[in-house]
C-alpha cells in the first residue's frame, strides 16, 4: 500500500488555515502546518494559503522566507498549490487600494480590482476548465466557492513562464464583470482563485486530484 503523501501548509501568520488542513487530511494527506523551511522543502506538496490584502500576504511570506521556500521548491520541480491570495502572489505584481506590490513573479501579469457591479465576488460560480486539466478531472462542470475583490484578469505569456520544461500553462477562467483567472496549472505549480476547502464535494475532488499527483 503506498504511503500517504506528506503536505505542508505554509504558516506565515495569515488567515484561517485550519479548514485547508482538515480538507487535505480528509482526502488522504498527512498534513503539517508550519513555517519550518526544511519541513516545507522536504514535503511531497506545499500549500500556500492566503486571505486579505496582496501586500500583507507578501510581507507575511517574506517574513518567514516563504518566497525563497517556494522558489527553491519550484526550481526542483517540487509541487506547490496556491489558494486565493496564495495564487495571486504568484503573479508579477498586485495593485490594491492604490498600492503597487511586487509579487513572486512566477507568472507575468497583474492582479487588480474586478470591474463588476458587485464587488466582492462572493459565492458559488462555475469555471471554464482548461482542456486537459488534471486538477479539474471529474469536476469540470461543477461550481466552486469564491470570495475576492481582486484577480488576474489576463494571463500574458512571456519568457518568465518556463514553457520549455513544463509546457504552456493550463489556464482556467471564470467570469464576474468580465473574465478572470480562476486557476492555473504550470508544471509543479498549481493555484486556484477559489477556495477548494470551502467548495464542498467539488473542492474535495480537486484536492484529491492534487494530492494524488504527489504520489
N, C-alpha and C. Protein backbone atom coordinates (compact mmCIF):
# COMPACT_ATOMS: atom_id res chain seq x y z
N UNK A 1 0.85 -1.19 0.00
CA UNK A 1 0.00 0.00 0.00
C UNK A 1 0.89 1.24 0.00
N UNK A 2 0.65 2.18 -0.92
CA UNK A 2 1.51 3.35 -0.98
C UNK A 2 1.34 4.23 0.25
N UNK A 3 2.43 4.88 0.64
CA UNK A 3 2.37 5.76 1.81
C UNK A 3 1.56 7.01 1.48
N UNK A 4 1.02 7.62 2.51
CA UNK A 4 0.25 8.85 2.33
C UNK A 4 1.19 10.01 2.00
N UNK A 5 0.84 10.84 1.01
CA UNK A 5 1.68 12.00 0.70
C UNK A 5 1.75 12.95 1.89
N UNK A 6 2.91 13.52 2.10
CA UNK A 6 3.11 14.48 3.18
C UNK A 6 2.99 15.90 2.60
N UNK A 7 2.13 16.69 3.19
CA UNK A 7 1.86 18.04 2.72
C UNK A 7 2.11 19.03 3.84
N UNK A 8 2.82 20.08 3.53
CA UNK A 8 2.98 21.21 4.46
C UNK A 8 2.09 22.35 4.00
N UNK A 9 1.26 22.86 4.91
CA UNK A 9 0.54 24.11 4.70
C UNK A 9 1.40 25.20 5.32
N UNK A 10 1.85 26.13 4.50
CA UNK A 10 2.81 27.14 4.95
C UNK A 10 2.14 28.10 5.92
N UNK A 11 2.68 28.17 7.13
CA UNK A 11 2.13 29.01 8.19
C UNK A 11 2.93 30.30 8.27
N UNK A 12 2.37 31.38 7.74
CA UNK A 12 3.07 32.67 7.81
C UNK A 12 2.23 33.72 8.54
N UNK A 13 1.31 33.22 9.38
CA UNK A 13 0.58 34.12 10.27
C UNK A 13 -0.67 34.73 9.69
N UNK A 14 -1.19 34.20 8.58
CA UNK A 14 -2.34 34.81 7.95
C UNK A 14 -3.47 33.83 7.75
N UNK A 15 -4.67 34.25 8.14
CA UNK A 15 -5.87 33.55 7.71
C UNK A 15 -6.21 32.32 8.53
N UNK A 16 -7.44 31.89 8.37
CA UNK A 16 -7.91 30.67 9.00
C UNK A 16 -7.55 29.50 8.09
N UNK A 17 -6.45 28.85 8.39
CA UNK A 17 -5.97 27.78 7.51
C UNK A 17 -6.37 26.40 8.01
N UNK A 18 -7.05 26.34 9.14
CA UNK A 18 -7.41 25.03 9.70
C UNK A 18 -8.33 24.25 8.76
N UNK A 19 -9.22 24.96 8.06
CA UNK A 19 -10.13 24.27 7.15
C UNK A 19 -9.36 23.64 6.00
N UNK A 20 -8.29 24.31 5.54
CA UNK A 20 -7.46 23.74 4.49
C UNK A 20 -6.73 22.49 5.00
N UNK A 21 -6.23 22.56 6.23
CA UNK A 21 -5.54 21.41 6.82
C UNK A 21 -6.50 20.22 6.92
N UNK A 22 -7.70 20.47 7.45
CA UNK A 22 -8.67 19.37 7.61
C UNK A 22 -9.08 18.79 6.26
N UNK A 23 -9.29 19.66 5.27
CA UNK A 23 -9.71 19.18 3.96
C UNK A 23 -8.65 18.31 3.32
N UNK A 24 -7.40 18.69 3.45
CA UNK A 24 -6.31 17.89 2.89
C UNK A 24 -6.17 16.56 3.62
N UNK A 25 -6.36 16.58 4.94
CA UNK A 25 -6.32 15.33 5.70
C UNK A 25 -7.43 14.39 5.27
N UNK A 26 -8.62 14.94 5.00
CA UNK A 26 -9.76 14.10 4.62
C UNK A 26 -9.55 13.42 3.27
N UNK A 27 -8.72 14.01 2.41
CA UNK A 27 -8.51 13.38 1.10
C UNK A 27 -7.21 12.56 1.06
N UNK A 28 -6.65 12.28 2.23
CA UNK A 28 -5.59 11.29 2.28
C UNK A 28 -4.18 11.78 2.48
N UNK A 29 -4.00 13.07 2.79
CA UNK A 29 -2.65 13.58 3.01
C UNK A 29 -2.32 13.60 4.51
N UNK A 30 -1.05 13.45 4.81
CA UNK A 30 -0.54 13.72 6.15
C UNK A 30 -0.10 15.17 6.15
N UNK A 31 -0.72 16.01 6.98
CA UNK A 31 -0.57 17.46 6.84
C UNK A 31 0.10 18.05 8.07
N UNK A 32 1.04 18.97 7.83
CA UNK A 32 1.69 19.73 8.89
C UNK A 32 1.55 21.20 8.58
N UNK A 33 1.11 21.98 9.57
CA UNK A 33 1.03 23.43 9.45
C UNK A 33 2.29 24.02 10.09
N UNK A 34 3.17 24.57 9.27
CA UNK A 34 4.46 25.04 9.78
C UNK A 34 5.10 26.05 8.84
N UNK A 35 6.01 26.83 9.39
CA UNK A 35 6.83 27.73 8.59
C UNK A 35 8.26 27.23 8.50
N UNK A 36 8.49 26.01 9.00
CA UNK A 36 9.84 25.46 9.00
C UNK A 36 10.31 25.19 7.58
N UNK A 37 11.44 25.80 7.22
CA UNK A 37 11.92 25.73 5.84
C UNK A 37 12.29 24.31 5.43
N UNK A 38 12.89 23.55 6.34
CA UNK A 38 13.30 22.19 6.00
C UNK A 38 12.07 21.30 5.78
N UNK A 39 11.07 21.43 6.67
CA UNK A 39 9.85 20.63 6.50
C UNK A 39 9.16 20.99 5.19
N UNK A 40 9.12 22.28 4.87
CA UNK A 40 8.48 22.72 3.62
C UNK A 40 9.24 22.23 2.40
N UNK A 41 10.56 22.18 2.51
CA UNK A 41 11.38 21.73 1.38
C UNK A 41 11.23 20.23 1.15
N UNK A 42 11.08 19.46 2.22
CA UNK A 42 11.08 18.01 2.12
C UNK A 42 9.70 17.40 1.88
N UNK A 43 8.64 18.17 2.10
CA UNK A 43 7.29 17.65 1.94
C UNK A 43 7.02 17.28 0.49
N UNK A 44 6.10 16.34 0.29
CA UNK A 44 5.72 15.97 -1.07
C UNK A 44 5.00 17.12 -1.76
N UNK A 45 4.21 17.87 -1.00
CA UNK A 45 3.50 19.02 -1.55
C UNK A 45 3.50 20.17 -0.57
N UNK A 46 3.49 21.39 -1.09
CA UNK A 46 3.42 22.60 -0.26
C UNK A 46 2.19 23.39 -0.67
N UNK A 47 1.36 23.76 0.31
CA UNK A 47 0.18 24.59 0.06
C UNK A 47 0.42 25.98 0.60
N UNK A 48 0.17 26.97 -0.24
CA UNK A 48 0.32 28.38 0.16
C UNK A 48 -1.08 28.99 0.23
N UNK A 49 -1.65 29.13 1.44
CA UNK A 49 -2.97 29.73 1.56
C UNK A 49 -2.84 31.25 1.53
N UNK A 50 -3.97 31.94 1.51
CA UNK A 50 -3.89 33.40 1.55
C UNK A 50 -5.26 34.05 1.61
N UNK A 51 -5.44 34.95 2.56
CA UNK A 51 -6.64 35.78 2.62
C UNK A 51 -6.19 37.20 2.91
N UNK A 52 -7.04 38.17 2.54
CA UNK A 52 -6.73 39.56 2.84
C UNK A 52 -6.04 40.25 1.68
N UNK A 53 -5.16 41.17 2.03
CA UNK A 53 -4.54 42.04 1.03
C UNK A 53 -3.26 41.44 0.47
N UNK A 54 -3.04 41.67 -0.82
CA UNK A 54 -1.85 41.19 -1.53
C UNK A 54 -0.57 41.61 -0.81
N UNK A 55 -0.47 42.91 -0.47
CA UNK A 55 0.75 43.43 0.15
C UNK A 55 1.02 42.77 1.50
N UNK A 56 -0.04 42.57 2.29
CA UNK A 56 0.14 41.97 3.61
C UNK A 56 0.56 40.51 3.49
N UNK A 57 0.00 39.80 2.52
CA UNK A 57 0.38 38.40 2.31
C UNK A 57 1.84 38.31 1.88
N UNK A 58 2.26 39.18 0.96
CA UNK A 58 3.66 39.18 0.54
C UNK A 58 4.59 39.48 1.72
N UNK A 59 4.21 40.43 2.56
CA UNK A 59 5.03 40.75 3.73
C UNK A 59 5.11 39.55 4.67
N UNK A 60 3.98 38.87 4.86
CA UNK A 60 3.98 37.69 5.72
C UNK A 60 4.85 36.57 5.16
N UNK A 61 4.76 36.35 3.86
CA UNK A 61 5.58 35.32 3.23
C UNK A 61 7.06 35.64 3.37
N UNK A 62 7.42 36.87 3.08
CA UNK A 62 8.84 37.24 3.18
C UNK A 62 9.34 37.16 4.62
N UNK A 63 8.43 37.37 5.58
CA UNK A 63 8.80 37.31 6.99
C UNK A 63 9.25 35.93 7.43
N UNK A 64 8.76 34.89 6.74
CA UNK A 64 9.18 33.52 7.07
C UNK A 64 10.00 32.91 5.93
N UNK A 65 10.51 33.77 5.05
CA UNK A 65 11.29 33.35 3.88
C UNK A 65 10.50 32.43 2.95
N UNK A 66 9.18 32.64 2.96
CA UNK A 66 8.32 31.83 2.11
C UNK A 66 8.60 32.01 0.64
N UNK A 67 9.03 33.22 0.26
CA UNK A 67 9.37 33.47 -1.15
C UNK A 67 10.52 32.57 -1.58
N UNK A 68 11.53 32.42 -0.71
CA UNK A 68 12.67 31.56 -1.02
C UNK A 68 12.27 30.08 -1.03
N UNK A 69 11.43 29.70 -0.06
CA UNK A 69 10.98 28.30 0.02
C UNK A 69 10.24 27.91 -1.25
N UNK A 70 9.32 28.77 -1.70
CA UNK A 70 8.52 28.48 -2.91
C UNK A 70 9.42 28.42 -4.13
N UNK A 71 10.32 29.38 -4.25
CA UNK A 71 11.21 29.43 -5.41
C UNK A 71 12.08 28.18 -5.49
N UNK A 72 12.62 27.76 -4.36
CA UNK A 72 13.50 26.59 -4.36
C UNK A 72 12.73 25.31 -4.68
N UNK A 73 11.52 25.19 -4.15
CA UNK A 73 10.72 24.01 -4.47
C UNK A 73 10.44 23.94 -5.97
N UNK A 74 10.01 25.05 -6.54
CA UNK A 74 9.66 25.05 -7.96
C UNK A 74 10.88 24.82 -8.83
N UNK A 75 12.02 25.36 -8.41
CA UNK A 75 13.25 25.15 -9.18
C UNK A 75 13.61 23.67 -9.22
N UNK A 76 13.23 22.94 -8.18
CA UNK A 76 13.50 21.50 -8.13
C UNK A 76 12.34 20.66 -8.63
N UNK A 77 11.31 21.31 -9.20
CA UNK A 77 10.16 20.57 -9.72
C UNK A 77 9.28 19.97 -8.64
N UNK A 78 9.28 20.60 -7.44
CA UNK A 78 8.51 20.08 -6.31
C UNK A 78 7.15 20.77 -6.25
N UNK A 79 6.04 20.04 -6.13
CA UNK A 79 4.71 20.62 -6.25
C UNK A 79 4.36 21.67 -5.20
N UNK A 80 3.71 22.73 -5.67
CA UNK A 80 3.22 23.83 -4.85
C UNK A 80 1.79 24.12 -5.30
N UNK A 81 0.88 24.33 -4.32
CA UNK A 81 -0.50 24.71 -4.62
C UNK A 81 -0.81 26.02 -3.89
N UNK A 82 -1.16 27.06 -4.64
CA UNK A 82 -1.56 28.34 -4.05
C UNK A 82 -3.07 28.46 -4.04
N UNK A 83 -3.61 29.03 -2.97
CA UNK A 83 -5.07 29.18 -2.82
C UNK A 83 -5.41 30.65 -2.56
N UNK A 84 -6.35 31.19 -3.32
CA UNK A 84 -6.86 32.55 -3.19
C UNK A 84 -5.71 33.56 -3.31
N UNK A 85 -5.43 34.36 -2.27
CA UNK A 85 -4.32 35.30 -2.40
C UNK A 85 -3.00 34.56 -2.53
N UNK A 86 -2.98 33.31 -2.06
CA UNK A 86 -1.81 32.46 -2.29
C UNK A 86 -1.59 32.16 -3.75
N UNK A 87 -2.63 32.28 -4.56
CA UNK A 87 -2.48 32.22 -6.02
C UNK A 87 -2.07 33.58 -6.56
N UNK A 88 -2.73 34.63 -6.07
CA UNK A 88 -2.48 35.97 -6.62
C UNK A 88 -1.01 36.37 -6.52
N UNK A 89 -0.36 36.03 -5.41
CA UNK A 89 1.03 36.45 -5.21
C UNK A 89 2.00 35.72 -6.14
N UNK A 90 1.53 34.68 -6.85
CA UNK A 90 2.40 34.03 -7.83
C UNK A 90 2.61 34.89 -9.07
N UNK A 91 1.75 35.91 -9.24
CA UNK A 91 1.88 36.80 -10.39
C UNK A 91 2.94 37.88 -10.11
N UNK A 92 3.25 38.65 -11.15
CA UNK A 92 4.34 39.62 -11.06
C UNK A 92 4.07 40.73 -10.06
N UNK A 93 2.80 41.16 -9.97
CA UNK A 93 2.50 42.31 -9.11
C UNK A 93 1.02 42.36 -8.79
N UNK A 94 0.69 43.13 -7.76
CA UNK A 94 -0.69 43.39 -7.39
C UNK A 94 -0.92 44.87 -7.14
N UNK A 95 -2.07 45.35 -7.56
CA UNK A 95 -2.49 46.73 -7.28
C UNK A 95 -3.73 46.68 -6.41
N UNK A 96 -3.60 47.10 -5.14
CA UNK A 96 -4.73 47.12 -4.22
C UNK A 96 -4.75 48.42 -3.46
N UNK A 97 -5.91 49.08 -3.46
CA UNK A 97 -6.07 50.32 -2.70
C UNK A 97 -5.00 51.35 -3.07
N UNK A 98 -4.64 51.38 -4.34
CA UNK A 98 -3.63 52.33 -4.80
C UNK A 98 -2.21 51.95 -4.48
N UNK A 99 -2.02 50.76 -3.92
CA UNK A 99 -0.68 50.30 -3.55
C UNK A 99 -0.23 49.25 -4.56
N UNK A 100 0.93 49.47 -5.18
CA UNK A 100 1.50 48.52 -6.13
C UNK A 100 2.56 47.69 -5.40
N UNK A 101 2.38 46.38 -5.40
CA UNK A 101 3.26 45.48 -4.66
C UNK A 101 3.83 44.43 -5.59
N UNK A 102 5.11 44.23 -5.51
CA UNK A 102 5.75 43.18 -6.31
C UNK A 102 5.38 41.82 -5.75
N UNK A 103 4.98 40.91 -6.67
CA UNK A 103 4.66 39.54 -6.27
C UNK A 103 5.85 38.62 -6.42
N UNK A 104 5.59 37.32 -6.42
CA UNK A 104 6.67 36.34 -6.54
C UNK A 104 7.18 36.21 -7.96
N UNK A 105 6.38 36.62 -8.94
CA UNK A 105 6.85 36.66 -10.32
C UNK A 105 6.99 35.31 -11.00
N UNK A 106 6.28 34.30 -10.49
CA UNK A 106 6.32 33.00 -11.16
C UNK A 106 5.59 33.07 -12.51
N UNK A 107 4.59 33.94 -12.57
CA UNK A 107 3.86 34.19 -13.82
C UNK A 107 3.83 35.68 -14.09
N UNK A 108 3.83 36.09 -15.35
CA UNK A 108 3.65 37.50 -15.67
C UNK A 108 2.21 37.92 -15.37
N UNK A 109 1.99 39.21 -15.31
CA UNK A 109 0.61 39.67 -15.16
C UNK A 109 0.38 40.39 -13.86
N UNK A 110 -0.74 41.11 -13.82
CA UNK A 110 -1.10 41.99 -12.72
C UNK A 110 -2.41 41.53 -12.09
N UNK A 111 -2.45 41.55 -10.77
CA UNK A 111 -3.68 41.32 -10.02
C UNK A 111 -4.25 42.68 -9.63
N UNK A 112 -5.48 42.97 -10.09
CA UNK A 112 -6.11 44.24 -9.73
C UNK A 112 -7.60 44.04 -9.47
N UNK A 113 -8.29 45.14 -9.22
CA UNK A 113 -9.68 45.06 -8.78
C UNK A 113 -10.60 44.60 -9.91
N UNK A 114 -11.53 43.73 -9.56
CA UNK A 114 -12.54 43.30 -10.52
C UNK A 114 -13.39 44.49 -10.95
N UNK A 115 -13.75 44.51 -12.21
CA UNK A 115 -14.64 45.55 -12.72
C UNK A 115 -16.03 44.93 -12.87
N UNK A 116 -16.82 45.03 -11.82
CA UNK A 116 -18.15 44.40 -11.79
C UNK A 116 -19.09 45.26 -10.97
N UNK A 117 -20.40 45.18 -11.22
CA UNK A 117 -21.36 45.97 -10.45
C UNK A 117 -21.34 45.65 -8.96
N UNK A 118 -21.04 44.40 -8.62
CA UNK A 118 -20.99 43.99 -7.22
C UNK A 118 -19.62 43.42 -6.91
N UNK A 119 -18.92 44.05 -6.00
CA UNK A 119 -17.61 43.58 -5.53
C UNK A 119 -17.62 43.69 -4.00
N UNK A 120 -17.21 42.67 -3.26
CA UNK A 120 -16.50 41.48 -3.73
C UNK A 120 -17.39 40.47 -4.46
N UNK A 121 -16.71 39.62 -5.22
CA UNK A 121 -17.34 38.45 -5.83
C UNK A 121 -17.38 37.38 -4.76
N UNK A 122 -18.58 37.08 -4.28
CA UNK A 122 -18.70 36.15 -3.16
C UNK A 122 -19.78 35.13 -3.46
N UNK A 123 -19.42 33.87 -3.43
CA UNK A 123 -20.40 32.81 -3.64
C UNK A 123 -19.92 31.78 -4.64
N UNK A 124 -20.86 30.96 -5.09
CA UNK A 124 -20.57 29.82 -5.95
C UNK A 124 -20.60 30.21 -7.42
N UNK A 125 -19.66 29.71 -8.18
CA UNK A 125 -19.61 30.01 -9.61
C UNK A 125 -18.97 28.85 -10.35
N UNK A 126 -19.40 28.69 -11.61
CA UNK A 126 -18.78 27.69 -12.47
C UNK A 126 -17.49 28.25 -13.07
N UNK A 127 -16.69 27.36 -13.60
CA UNK A 127 -15.43 27.75 -14.24
C UNK A 127 -15.38 27.14 -15.63
N UNK A 128 -14.54 27.72 -16.48
CA UNK A 128 -14.27 27.17 -17.80
C UNK A 128 -12.92 26.46 -17.72
N UNK A 129 -12.98 25.19 -17.34
CA UNK A 129 -11.74 24.44 -17.07
C UNK A 129 -10.92 24.27 -18.35
N UNK A 130 -9.62 24.40 -18.20
CA UNK A 130 -8.71 24.23 -19.33
C UNK A 130 -8.79 22.81 -19.86
N UNK A 131 -8.72 22.67 -21.17
CA UNK A 131 -8.72 21.35 -21.78
C UNK A 131 -7.49 20.56 -21.33
N UNK A 132 -7.70 19.35 -20.89
CA UNK A 132 -6.59 18.53 -20.43
C UNK A 132 -6.23 18.73 -18.97
N UNK A 133 -7.03 19.52 -18.26
CA UNK A 133 -6.73 19.79 -16.85
C UNK A 133 -6.77 18.51 -16.02
N UNK A 134 -5.73 18.29 -15.23
CA UNK A 134 -5.72 17.18 -14.27
C UNK A 134 -6.35 17.61 -12.95
N UNK A 135 -6.19 18.89 -12.62
CA UNK A 135 -6.72 19.41 -11.37
C UNK A 135 -8.24 19.31 -11.34
N UNK A 136 -8.89 19.59 -12.49
CA UNK A 136 -10.35 19.61 -12.55
C UNK A 136 -10.95 18.29 -13.08
N UNK A 137 -10.14 17.25 -13.17
CA UNK A 137 -10.65 15.97 -13.69
C UNK A 137 -11.85 15.50 -12.87
N UNK A 138 -12.97 15.33 -13.54
CA UNK A 138 -14.18 14.87 -12.88
C UNK A 138 -15.06 15.95 -12.31
N UNK A 139 -14.56 17.19 -12.28
CA UNK A 139 -15.36 18.30 -11.72
C UNK A 139 -15.34 19.51 -12.66
N UNK A 140 -15.14 19.24 -13.94
CA UNK A 140 -15.03 20.34 -14.91
C UNK A 140 -16.28 21.22 -14.94
N UNK A 141 -17.45 20.63 -14.67
CA UNK A 141 -18.72 21.36 -14.78
C UNK A 141 -19.29 21.76 -13.42
N UNK A 142 -18.50 21.63 -12.37
CA UNK A 142 -19.01 21.91 -11.03
C UNK A 142 -18.79 23.37 -10.64
N UNK A 143 -19.45 23.76 -9.54
CA UNK A 143 -19.29 25.12 -9.02
C UNK A 143 -18.30 25.13 -7.86
N UNK A 144 -17.60 26.24 -7.71
CA UNK A 144 -16.62 26.41 -6.65
C UNK A 144 -16.90 27.71 -5.91
N UNK A 145 -16.38 27.80 -4.69
CA UNK A 145 -16.71 28.94 -3.83
C UNK A 145 -15.62 30.02 -3.89
N UNK A 146 -16.04 31.20 -4.32
CA UNK A 146 -15.15 32.35 -4.45
C UNK A 146 -15.49 33.41 -3.40
N UNK A 147 -14.47 34.11 -2.92
CA UNK A 147 -14.68 35.34 -2.15
C UNK A 147 -13.45 36.22 -2.37
N UNK A 148 -13.59 37.21 -3.27
CA UNK A 148 -12.45 38.05 -3.61
C UNK A 148 -12.93 39.32 -4.31
N UNK A 149 -12.12 40.36 -4.19
CA UNK A 149 -12.37 41.62 -4.89
C UNK A 149 -11.35 41.86 -5.99
N UNK A 150 -10.27 41.10 -5.97
CA UNK A 150 -9.16 41.29 -6.91
C UNK A 150 -8.87 39.97 -7.61
N UNK A 151 -8.30 40.06 -8.79
CA UNK A 151 -7.97 38.86 -9.56
C UNK A 151 -7.03 39.24 -10.69
N UNK A 152 -6.41 38.24 -11.29
CA UNK A 152 -5.67 38.43 -12.54
C UNK A 152 -6.68 38.35 -13.67
N UNK A 153 -6.84 39.45 -14.41
CA UNK A 153 -7.85 39.49 -15.46
C UNK A 153 -7.28 39.20 -16.84
N UNK A 154 -6.01 38.86 -16.87
CA UNK A 154 -5.37 38.38 -18.10
C UNK A 154 -4.24 37.46 -17.70
N UNK A 155 -3.77 36.67 -18.67
CA UNK A 155 -2.63 35.80 -18.41
C UNK A 155 -1.68 35.90 -19.59
N UNK A 156 -0.84 36.93 -19.58
CA UNK A 156 0.11 37.09 -20.69
C UNK A 156 1.24 36.08 -20.59
N UNK A 157 1.51 35.40 -21.69
CA UNK A 157 2.66 34.50 -21.73
C UNK A 157 3.92 35.30 -22.00
N UNK A 158 4.99 34.96 -21.32
CA UNK A 158 6.26 35.65 -21.55
C UNK A 158 7.39 34.70 -21.23
N UNK A 159 8.61 35.23 -21.33
CA UNK A 159 9.78 34.39 -21.06
C UNK A 159 9.85 33.96 -19.60
N UNK A 160 9.06 34.59 -18.72
CA UNK A 160 9.10 34.20 -17.31
C UNK A 160 8.39 32.87 -17.07
N UNK A 161 7.55 32.44 -18.02
CA UNK A 161 6.88 31.15 -17.89
C UNK A 161 7.76 30.08 -18.52
N UNK A 162 8.13 29.08 -17.72
CA UNK A 162 9.06 28.05 -18.18
C UNK A 162 8.31 27.03 -19.05
N UNK A 163 8.05 27.41 -20.30
CA UNK A 163 7.29 26.54 -21.19
C UNK A 163 8.14 25.39 -21.72
N UNK A 164 9.45 25.60 -21.82
CA UNK A 164 10.31 24.53 -22.34
C UNK A 164 10.29 23.31 -21.42
N UNK A 165 10.33 23.57 -20.12
CA UNK A 165 10.38 22.46 -19.17
C UNK A 165 8.99 21.93 -18.83
N UNK A 166 8.01 22.83 -18.67
CA UNK A 166 6.71 22.42 -18.16
C UNK A 166 5.58 22.52 -19.18
N UNK A 167 5.86 23.01 -20.39
CA UNK A 167 4.80 23.19 -21.37
C UNK A 167 4.01 24.46 -21.09
N UNK A 168 3.11 24.81 -21.98
CA UNK A 168 2.30 26.01 -21.80
C UNK A 168 1.38 25.82 -20.60
N UNK A 169 1.22 26.84 -19.77
CA UNK A 169 0.32 26.72 -18.63
C UNK A 169 -1.12 26.43 -19.08
N UNK A 170 -1.82 25.63 -18.28
CA UNK A 170 -3.25 25.42 -18.48
C UNK A 170 -3.99 26.43 -17.61
N UNK A 171 -4.74 27.32 -18.25
CA UNK A 171 -5.41 28.40 -17.53
C UNK A 171 -6.91 28.17 -17.54
N UNK A 172 -7.50 28.14 -16.36
CA UNK A 172 -8.95 28.00 -16.19
C UNK A 172 -9.53 29.36 -15.85
N UNK A 173 -10.65 29.69 -16.48
CA UNK A 173 -11.24 31.03 -16.34
C UNK A 173 -12.60 30.97 -15.66
N UNK A 174 -12.97 32.10 -15.04
CA UNK A 174 -14.32 32.32 -14.54
C UNK A 174 -14.71 33.74 -14.92
N UNK A 175 -15.95 34.12 -14.61
CA UNK A 175 -16.42 35.43 -15.03
C UNK A 175 -17.16 36.13 -13.90
N UNK A 176 -16.80 37.39 -13.67
CA UNK A 176 -17.55 38.27 -12.77
C UNK A 176 -17.30 39.70 -13.22
N UNK A 177 -18.20 40.22 -14.04
CA UNK A 177 -17.99 41.52 -14.66
C UNK A 177 -16.97 41.47 -15.78
N UNK A 178 -16.56 40.29 -16.17
CA UNK A 178 -15.53 40.06 -17.17
C UNK A 178 -14.72 38.85 -16.76
N UNK A 179 -13.95 38.28 -17.68
CA UNK A 179 -13.19 37.07 -17.36
C UNK A 179 -12.04 37.36 -16.40
N UNK A 180 -11.77 36.37 -15.56
CA UNK A 180 -10.59 36.43 -14.69
C UNK A 180 -10.04 35.02 -14.53
N UNK A 181 -8.78 34.94 -14.13
CA UNK A 181 -8.11 33.65 -13.98
C UNK A 181 -8.62 32.96 -12.71
N UNK A 182 -9.22 31.78 -12.88
CA UNK A 182 -9.75 31.02 -11.75
C UNK A 182 -8.76 29.97 -11.26
N UNK A 183 -7.88 29.50 -12.13
CA UNK A 183 -6.88 28.50 -11.75
C UNK A 183 -5.82 28.43 -12.83
N UNK A 184 -4.63 27.99 -12.42
CA UNK A 184 -3.53 27.77 -13.36
C UNK A 184 -2.83 26.48 -12.97
N UNK A 185 -2.47 25.68 -13.98
CA UNK A 185 -1.62 24.51 -13.79
C UNK A 185 -0.39 24.68 -14.66
N UNK A 186 0.78 24.71 -14.04
CA UNK A 186 2.01 25.03 -14.75
C UNK A 186 3.14 24.17 -14.18
N UNK A 187 3.23 22.93 -14.66
CA UNK A 187 4.25 22.03 -14.13
C UNK A 187 4.01 21.78 -12.65
N UNK A 188 5.01 22.01 -11.79
CA UNK A 188 4.83 21.74 -10.36
C UNK A 188 3.98 22.78 -9.65
N UNK A 189 3.69 23.90 -10.31
CA UNK A 189 2.94 24.99 -9.67
C UNK A 189 1.49 24.98 -10.14
N UNK A 190 0.58 24.84 -9.19
CA UNK A 190 -0.85 24.93 -9.46
C UNK A 190 -1.45 25.91 -8.47
N UNK A 191 -2.56 26.54 -8.86
CA UNK A 191 -3.18 27.51 -7.97
C UNK A 191 -4.63 27.73 -8.35
N UNK A 192 -5.42 28.11 -7.34
CA UNK A 192 -6.83 28.40 -7.56
C UNK A 192 -7.19 29.72 -6.92
N UNK A 193 -8.01 30.52 -7.61
CA UNK A 193 -8.52 31.76 -7.01
C UNK A 193 -9.62 31.45 -6.00
N UNK A 194 -10.38 30.40 -6.24
CA UNK A 194 -11.44 29.99 -5.31
C UNK A 194 -10.84 29.19 -4.15
N UNK A 195 -11.70 28.89 -3.18
CA UNK A 195 -11.28 28.11 -2.02
C UNK A 195 -11.76 26.66 -2.18
N UNK A 196 -10.91 25.74 -2.58
CA UNK A 196 -11.36 24.35 -2.70
C UNK A 196 -11.81 23.78 -1.36
N UNK A 197 -11.19 24.22 -0.27
CA UNK A 197 -11.55 23.69 1.04
C UNK A 197 -12.93 24.15 1.50
N UNK A 198 -13.52 25.12 0.80
CA UNK A 198 -14.87 25.59 1.12
C UNK A 198 -15.85 25.26 -0.01
N UNK A 199 -15.43 24.42 -0.94
CA UNK A 199 -16.21 24.16 -2.15
C UNK A 199 -16.87 22.78 -2.17
N UNK A 200 -17.16 22.25 -0.98
CA UNK A 200 -17.93 21.01 -0.90
C UNK A 200 -17.27 19.84 -1.62
N UNK A 201 -18.12 19.00 -2.22
CA UNK A 201 -17.63 17.78 -2.87
C UNK A 201 -16.71 18.10 -4.06
N UNK A 202 -17.04 19.17 -4.80
CA UNK A 202 -16.21 19.53 -5.95
C UNK A 202 -14.81 19.93 -5.50
N UNK A 203 -14.73 20.72 -4.44
CA UNK A 203 -13.42 21.12 -3.92
C UNK A 203 -12.65 19.94 -3.37
N UNK A 204 -13.37 19.02 -2.72
CA UNK A 204 -12.71 17.82 -2.19
C UNK A 204 -12.13 16.98 -3.32
N UNK A 205 -12.86 16.87 -4.44
CA UNK A 205 -12.34 16.11 -5.56
C UNK A 205 -11.12 16.78 -6.16
N UNK A 206 -11.16 18.12 -6.26
CA UNK A 206 -10.00 18.84 -6.79
C UNK A 206 -8.77 18.62 -5.91
N UNK A 207 -8.96 18.69 -4.58
CA UNK A 207 -7.83 18.43 -3.67
C UNK A 207 -7.38 16.98 -3.76
N UNK A 208 -8.33 16.07 -3.95
CA UNK A 208 -7.97 14.66 -4.14
C UNK A 208 -7.09 14.50 -5.37
N UNK A 209 -7.46 15.18 -6.45
CA UNK A 209 -6.67 15.12 -7.69
C UNK A 209 -5.26 15.63 -7.44
N UNK A 210 -5.15 16.75 -6.71
CA UNK A 210 -3.81 17.32 -6.47
C UNK A 210 -2.98 16.39 -5.58
N UNK A 211 -3.59 15.90 -4.51
CA UNK A 211 -2.84 15.01 -3.59
C UNK A 211 -2.43 13.73 -4.32
N UNK A 212 -3.30 13.22 -5.20
CA UNK A 212 -2.96 12.00 -5.95
C UNK A 212 -1.75 12.24 -6.85
N UNK A 213 -1.58 13.46 -7.33
CA UNK A 213 -0.45 13.77 -8.21
C UNK A 213 0.88 13.77 -7.46
N UNK A 214 0.82 13.77 -6.12
CA UNK A 214 2.05 13.81 -5.32
C UNK A 214 2.64 12.44 -5.10
N UNK A 215 1.89 11.40 -5.38
CA UNK A 215 2.33 10.03 -5.06
C UNK A 215 3.48 9.58 -5.97
